[in-house]
Amino acid sequence: MKAVIQRVSKASVTIEGEKVASIESGLLIFLGIVDEDTHEDIKWLSNKIVNLRIFGDENGVMNNALKDAHGDAIVVSQFTLHASTKKGNRPSYIKAAKPDVAIPLYENFVYQLEKDLGKKVQTGQFGADMKVELLNDGPVTIIIDTKNKV
């Protein structure tokens, strides 16, 4: 499971002209899933994201986590995070999990993140053509891969 996490001042997801998710200060999380991902990956990644100290404290130092900053989150599925570009110029997405595997893991990740954060998490729509807008705050962008925990 791979996540690209962006600290945002605001973010939104629009599908077919309708805004389906919108937040102010918080995190925009792009999530890529592979067949080997497990519930343990979900728990580890959710905990890591919720407790990642990337929000400013009273002195402007990144000492606060998402839950300390009372920030919100949007999770967007993104199979392209597992693109292989080693051969040729057309990326291969063969490592990305197919919907029958990815959708339940994606939904379980959102549920776990809500549980760990203690509030509702907004989402895009799995498999939809989404327009994502964001104002990256910092900029702060972090990539986390559950296969590289050590």
C-alpha atoms as a PDB file:
ATOM      1  CA  MET A   1       0.000   0.000   0.000  1.00  0.00           C
ATOM      2  CA  LYS A   2       1.436   3.307  -1.053  1.00  0.00           C
ATOM      3  CA  ALA A   3       0.232   6.761  -0.048  1.00  0.00           C
ATOM      4  CA  VAL A   4       1.146  10.214  -1.253  1.00  0.00           C
ATOM      5  CA  ILE A   5       0.177  12.612   1.508  1.00  0.00           C
ATOM      6  CA  GLN A   6      -0.120  16.326   0.897  1.00  0.00           C
ATOM      7  CA  ARG A   7      -0.683  18.865   3.640  1.00  0.00           C
ATOM      8  CA  VAL A   8      -3.271  21.241   2.245  1.00  0.00           C
ATOM      9  CA  SER A   9      -4.892  24.563   3.069  1.00  0.00           C
ATOM     10  CA  LYS A  10      -7.835  23.324   1.027  1.00  0.00           C
ATOM     11  CA  ALA A  11      -8.668  20.453  -1.308  1.00  0.00           C
ATOM     12  CA  SER A  12     -11.645  19.126  -3.208  1.00  0.00           C
ATOM     13  CA  VAL A  13     -12.714  16.308  -5.504  1.00  0.00           C
ATOM     14  CA  THR A  14     -15.176  16.838  -8.354  1.00  0.00           C
ATOM     15  CA  ILE A  15     -16.802  14.072 -10.412  1.00  0.00           C
ATOM     16  CA  GLU A  16     -18.827  14.919 -13.536  1.00  0.00           C
ATOM     17  CA  GLY A  17     -19.133  18.550 -12.445  1.00  0.00           C
ATOM     18  CA  GLU A  18     -20.312  17.712  -8.898  1.00  0.00           C
ATOM     19  CA  LYS A  19     -18.079  18.428  -5.902  1.00  0.00           C
ATOM     20  CA  VAL A  20     -18.134  15.206  -3.856  1.00  0.00           C
ATOM     21  CA  ALA A  21     -15.512  16.106  -1.237  1.00  0.00           C
ATOM     22  CA  SER A  22     -14.090  19.336   0.131  1.00  0.00           C
ATOM     23  CA  ILE A  23     -11.887  20.222   3.099  1.00  0.00           C
ATOM     24  CA  GLU A  24     -10.008  23.176   4.458  1.00  0.00           C
ATOM     25  CA  SER A  25      -6.833  22.516   6.482  1.00  0.00           C
ATOM     26  CA  GLY A  26      -5.790  18.873   6.544  1.00  0.00           C
ATOM     27  CA  LEU A  27      -4.445  16.091   4.367  1.00  0.00           C
ATOM     28  CA  LEU A  28      -5.147  14.962   0.842  1.00  0.00           C
ATOM     29  CA  ILE A  29      -4.196  11.277   0.680  1.00  0.00           C
ATOM     30  CA  PHE A  30      -3.708   9.498  -2.627  1.00  0.00           C
ATOM     31  CA  LEU A  31      -3.832   5.732  -1.992  1.00  0.00           C
ATOM     32  CA  GLY A  32      -2.476   2.968  -4.231  1.00  0.00           C
ATOM     33  CA  ILE A  33      -3.161  -0.694  -3.466  1.00  0.00           C
ATOM     34  CA  VAL A  34      -1.459  -3.924  -4.577  1.00  0.00           C
ATOM     35  CA  ASP A  35      -2.666  -7.526  -4.253  1.00  0.00           C
ATOM     36  CA  GLU A  36      -0.266  -8.248  -1.373  1.00  0.00           C
ATOM     37  CA  ASP A  37      -1.707  -5.535   0.880  1.00  0.00           C
ATOM     38  CA  THR A  38      -3.303  -6.721   4.121  1.00  0.00           C
ATOM     39  CA  HIS A  39      -5.288  -5.450   7.085  1.00  0.00           C
ATOM     40  CA  GLU A  40      -1.960  -5.021   8.890  1.00  0.00           C
ATOM     41  CA  ASP A  41      -0.849  -2.605   6.150  1.00  0.00           C
ATOM     42  CA  ILE A  42      -4.098  -0.686   6.602  1.00  0.00           C
ATOM     43  CA  LYS A  43      -3.684  -0.387  10.375  1.00  0.00           C
ATOM     44  CA  TRP A  44      -0.004   0.585  10.134  1.00  0.00           C
ATOM     45  CA  LEU A  45      -0.546   3.190   7.400  1.00  0.00           C
ATOM     46  CA  SER A  46      -3.577   4.766   9.046  1.00  0.00           C
ATOM     47  CA  ASN A  47      -1.750   5.066  12.365  1.00  0.00           C
ATOM     48  CA  LYS A  48       1.299   6.534  10.639  1.00  0.00           C
ATOM     49  CA  ILE A  49      -0.750   9.146   8.775  1.00  0.00           C
ATOM     50  CA  VAL A  50      -2.845  10.216  11.773  1.00  0.00           C
ATOM     51  CA  ASN A  51       0.241  10.616  13.976  1.00  0.00           C
ATOM     52  CA  LEU A  52       2.652  12.087  11.420  1.00  0.00           C
ATOM     53  CA  ARG A  53       3.866  15.370  12.911  1.00  0.00           C
ATOM     54  CA  ILE A  54       3.695  17.661   9.876  1.00  0.00           C
ATOM     55  CA  PHE A  55       1.482  20.492  11.166  1.00  0.00           C
ATOM     56  CA  GLY A  56       2.842  23.613  12.819  1.00  0.00           C
ATOM     57  CA  ASP A  57       2.668  24.166  16.550  1.00  0.00           C
ATOM     58  CA  GLU A  58       2.334  27.578  18.227  1.00  0.00           C
ATOM     59  CA  ASN A  59       5.935  28.341  17.171  1.00  0.00           C
ATOM     60  CA  GLY A  60       5.427  27.268  13.575  1.00  0.00           C
ATOM     61  CA  VAL A  61       7.485  24.097  14.054  1.00  0.00           C
ATOM     62  CA  MET A  62       6.121  20.866  12.577  1.00  0.00           C
ATOM     63  CA  ASN A  63       5.304  19.170  15.885  1.00  0.00           C
ATOM     64  CA  ASN A  64       1.576  18.503  15.551  1.00  0.00           C
ATOM     65  CA  ALA A  65      -0.169  15.566  13.942  1.00  0.00           C
ATOM     66  CA  LEU A  66      -3.381  15.710  11.920  1.00  0.00           C
ATOM     67  CA  LYS A  67      -5.485  14.857  14.956  1.00  0.00           C
ATOM     68  CA  ASP A  68      -3.691  17.503  17.083  1.00  0.00           C
ATOM     69  CA  ALA A  69      -4.329  20.129  14.405  1.00  0.00           C
ATOM     70  CA  HIS A  70      -8.005  19.061  14.183  1.00  0.00           C
ATOM     71  CA  GLY A  71      -7.490  18.739  10.436  1.00  0.00           C
ATOM     72  CA  ASP A  72      -9.673  16.904   7.964  1.00  0.00           C
ATOM     73  CA  ALA A  73      -8.770  14.358   5.314  1.00  0.00           C
ATOM     74  CA  ILE A  74      -9.750  13.287   1.830  1.00  0.00           C
ATOM     75  CA  VAL A  75      -8.720   9.854   0.534  1.00  0.00           C
ATOM     76  CA  VAL A  76      -8.508   9.358  -3.231  1.00  0.00           C
ATOM     77  CA  SER A  77      -7.802   5.979  -4.806  1.00  0.00           C
ATOM     78  CA  GLN A  78      -4.961   6.178  -7.319  1.00  0.00           C
ATOM     79  CA  PHE A  79      -3.767   3.003  -9.031  1.00  0.00           C
ATOM     80  CA  THR A  80      -1.146   5.008 -10.943  1.00  0.00           C
ATOM     81  CA  LEU A  81       0.975   5.181  -7.774  1.00  0.00           C
ATOM     82  CA  HIS A  82       2.085   1.647  -8.621  1.00  0.00           C
ATOM     83  CA  ALA A  83       3.080   2.465 -12.199  1.00  0.00           C
ATOM     84  CA  SER A  84       6.234   0.834 -13.508  1.00  0.00           C
ATOM     85  CA  THR A  85       8.221   3.031 -15.880  1.00  0.00           C
ATOM     86  CA  LYS A  86      11.294   0.831 -16.232  1.00  0.00           C
ATOM     87  CA  LYS A  87      10.591  -0.279 -19.786  1.00  0.00           C
ATOM     88  CA  GLY A  88       9.478   1.968 -22.634  1.00  0.00           C
ATOM     89  CA  ASN A  89       7.409   5.122 -22.326  1.00  0.00           C
ATOM     90  CA  ARG A  90       4.006   3.650 -21.553  1.00  0.00           C
ATOM     91  CA  PRO A  91       3.647   3.015 -17.810  1.00  0.00           C
ATOM     92  CA  SER A  92       2.574  -0.462 -16.747  1.00  0.00           C
ATOM     93  CA  TYR A  93      -0.003  -0.737 -13.988  1.00  0.00           C
ATOM     94  CA  ILE A  94       0.199  -4.517 -13.638  1.00  0.00           C
ATOM     95  CA  LYS A  95       1.185  -4.268  -9.941  1.00  0.00           C
ATOM     96  CA  ALA A  96      -1.934  -2.283  -9.027  1.00  0.00           C
ATOM     97  CA  ALA A  97      -4.682  -4.422  -7.493  1.00  0.00           C
ATOM     98  CA  LYS A  98      -7.802  -5.058  -9.550  1.00  0.00           C
ATOM     99  CA  PRO A  99     -11.077  -3.584  -8.239  1.00  0.00           C
ATOM    100  CA  ASP A 100     -12.280  -6.836  -6.622  1.00  0.00           C
ATOM    101  CA  VAL A 101      -9.237  -6.731  -4.329  1.00  0.00           C
ATOM    102  CA  ALA A 102      -8.644  -2.979  -4.164  1.00  0.00           C
ATOM    103  CA  ILE A 103     -12.143  -1.718  -3.352  1.00  0.00           C
ATOM    104  CA  PRO A 104     -12.565  -3.637  -0.061  1.00  0.00           C
ATOM    105  CA  LEU A 105      -9.038  -2.648   1.030  1.00  0.00           C
ATOM    106  CA  TYR A 106      -9.686   0.988   0.095  1.00  0.00           C
ATOM    107  CA  GLU A 107     -12.967   1.016   2.025  1.00  0.00           C
ATOM    108  CA  ASN A 108     -11.321  -0.657   5.037  1.00  0.00           C
ATOM    109  CA  PHE A 109      -8.521   1.913   4.949  1.00  0.00           C
ATOM    110  CA  VAL A 110     -11.037   4.780   4.995  1.00  0.00           C
ATOM    111  CA  TYR A 111     -12.892   3.104   7.892  1.00  0.00           C
ATOM    112  CA  GLN A 112      -9.636   2.616   9.843  1.00  0.00           C
ATOM    113  CA  LEU A 113      -8.564   6.222   9.212  1.00  0.00           C
ATOM    114  CA  GLU A 114     -11.935   7.464  10.482  1.00  0.00           C
ATOM    115  CA  LYS A 115     -11.553   5.305  13.582  1.00  0.00           C
ATOM    116  CA  ASP A 116      -7.995   6.487  14.252  1.00  0.00           C
ATOM    117  CA  LEU A 117      -8.785  10.139  13.512  1.00  0.00           C
ATOM    118  CA  GLY A 118     -12.067  10.126  15.422  1.00  0.00           C
ATOM    119  CA  LYS A 119     -14.015  11.841  12.662  1.00  0.00           C
ATOM    120  CA  LYS A 120     -15.518  11.358   9.214  1.00  0.00           C
ATOM    121  CA  VAL A 121     -13.067  11.172   6.321  1.00  0.00           C
ATOM    122  CA  GLN A 122     -14.142  12.342   2.883  1.00  0.00           C
ATOM    123  CA  THR A 123     -13.363  10.384  -0.259  1.00  0.00           C
ATOM    124  CA  GLY A 124     -13.354  10.439  -3.986  1.00  0.00           C
ATOM    125  CA  GLN A 125     -15.069   7.609  -5.842  1.00  0.00           C
ATOM    126  CA  PHE A 126     -13.129   4.472  -6.648  1.00  0.00           C
ATOM    127  CA  GLY A 127     -12.550   4.138 -10.391  1.00  0.00           C
ATOM    128  CA  ALA A 128     -14.163   7.452 -11.321  1.00  0.00           C
ATOM    129  CA  ASP A 129     -12.626  10.164 -13.479  1.00  0.00           C
ATOM    130  CA  MET A 130     -11.955  12.677 -10.713  1.00  0.00           C
ATOM    131  CA  LYS A 131     -10.808  16.274 -10.834  1.00  0.00           C
ATOM    132  CA  VAL A 132      -8.733  16.959  -7.741  1.00  0.00           C
ATOM    133  CA  GLU A 133      -7.925  20.508  -6.680  1.00  0.00           C
ATOM    134  CA  LEU A 134      -5.565  21.356  -3.864  1.00  0.00           C
ATOM    135  CA  LEU A 135      -3.600  24.158  -2.336  1.00  0.00           C
ATOM    136  CA  ASN A 136      -0.490  22.445  -0.991  1.00  0.00           C
ATOM    137  CA  ASP A 137       0.516  24.041   2.306  1.00  0.00           C
ATOM    138  CA  GLY A 138       4.278  24.326   2.692  1.00  0.00           C
ATOM    139  CA  PRO A 139       4.583  22.586   0.311  1.00  0.00           C
ATOM    140  CA  VAL A 140       4.555  19.389   2.322  1.00  0.00           C
ATOM    141  CA  THR A 141       4.303  16.155   0.337  1.00  0.00           C
ATOM    142  CA  ILE A 142       5.274  12.794   1.836  1.00  0.00           C
ATOM    143  CA  ILE A 143       5.307   9.341   0.270  1.00  0.00           C
ATOM    144  CA  ILE A 144       4.751   6.322   2.513  1.00  0.00           C
ATOM    145  CA  ASP A 145       5.002   2.718   1.308  1.00  0.00           C
ATOM    146  CA  THR A 146       3.943  -0.028   3.725  1.00  0.00           C
ATOM    147  CA  LYS A 147       6.475  -2.353   2.051  1.00  0.00           C
ATOM    148  CA  ASN A 148       9.270  -0.071   3.335  1.00  0.00           C
ATOM    149  CA  LYS A 149       8.432   0.117   7.039  1.00  0.00           C
ATOM    150  CA  VAL A 150      11.982  -0.316   8.246  1.00  0.00           C
END
